[in-house]
Amino acid sequence: MTPPRRNVEIKVRDPDQAATLRRALALPGVEDHGELRQRDTYFGRANGRLKLREQAPGGAWLIAYQRPDGEDARTSAYRLADVADPAATREALDAVLGTKVVVTKARRLLIWEGVRIHLDEVEGLGTFAELEAVAAPDSDLAREHGLVARLRDDLALGEPVAGSYSDLLLDGPTALLRAADEAMRRAYAPYSEFPVGAALRTPDGAVHVGANVENAAYPQGQCAEASAIGAMVAAGGRRIDAVAVVAEKLDVCPPCGGCRQRLREFAAPETPVYLGRPGGPVEKTTVGALLPLAFDEGALG
């Protein structure tokens, strides 16, 4: 693994990447390194952030980094390790740490004065421009902050956004709905023929899924939300940060009354619940809106 490194970076939404690319190519001395395809798999329970980057063309690296979230230019401290077998590494880390989220993007890479200019199209999020100035070991970061500020002006970039692509995906419904949709496709529903999938995210970023499991003795069946809660508890989770529910035959499928009570046991009233399907209509509500006046631990005195 490499010695610790630092960089200064900002990220902005970029609705007109063609114009940004034209301005970037006009910079004196800019180097155009073409297009890259990247898949970043983020893992849970890490000190800071841990991701496996698989890049074509290029290779694969394990990247451990720490960076404060904020909208201004931020400093990251990171280490890199080459990975010879990314598939096996991904499988092993998922088994031990759990996968938080996968970020897939197409990146146009340019370099100017040592600053990396990333023009990214991120699956599920849209288009962004990212500036990353890698610092020398003894730098006080003044030069790097200056270069990033100058480039932001020269490229006419808008206001920075806080967090990483992984944070933006986790904060929205995309990743959860996909996980719920995948679980729904594995449902066991031969009697109702009404497959449902549910996905729950816990505070450490881990996602736990479940599908409905029916039984010839109808009362012995289990809803998707209950299956997901069981998977979460078996993995050590005790708190739900967000919920997604997907059904095959309904655009929006709210949890049944019993599952609303089950969710309330582990979620706060303000916990978001996303009902819909990937790429389709999505309705956002909360656990409290689904179950007002819930019976909770306070009712036990």
Foldseek 3Di string as FASTA:
>chain_A
DDDKWKKWKFKFFDPCVVLLVVLQVPDPPKAWPFKKKWKWWWFFPDPATWIWIQMPPPAIKIKHKHWDWDQATTMIIMDIDGDPDVVVVVVVRCVVGNTQFMKIWMWTWMADPQKIWTFIQIVPPGTMIMIMHIDDPPDPCPVNSVVNVVSCVSSVGDTTHIDDPSVVPLVDCQRQQVQQVVQQVVAADPDVPKKKKKWFAAPRSHIFIFIWHADPVGVPTDHGLVRRVVRCVVVPGQATQEMEMEIDPDQFDDDDPVSLLVNVAHYDQARWYWTGHNPDDIDIDGSCVVPPPHDYPVVVD
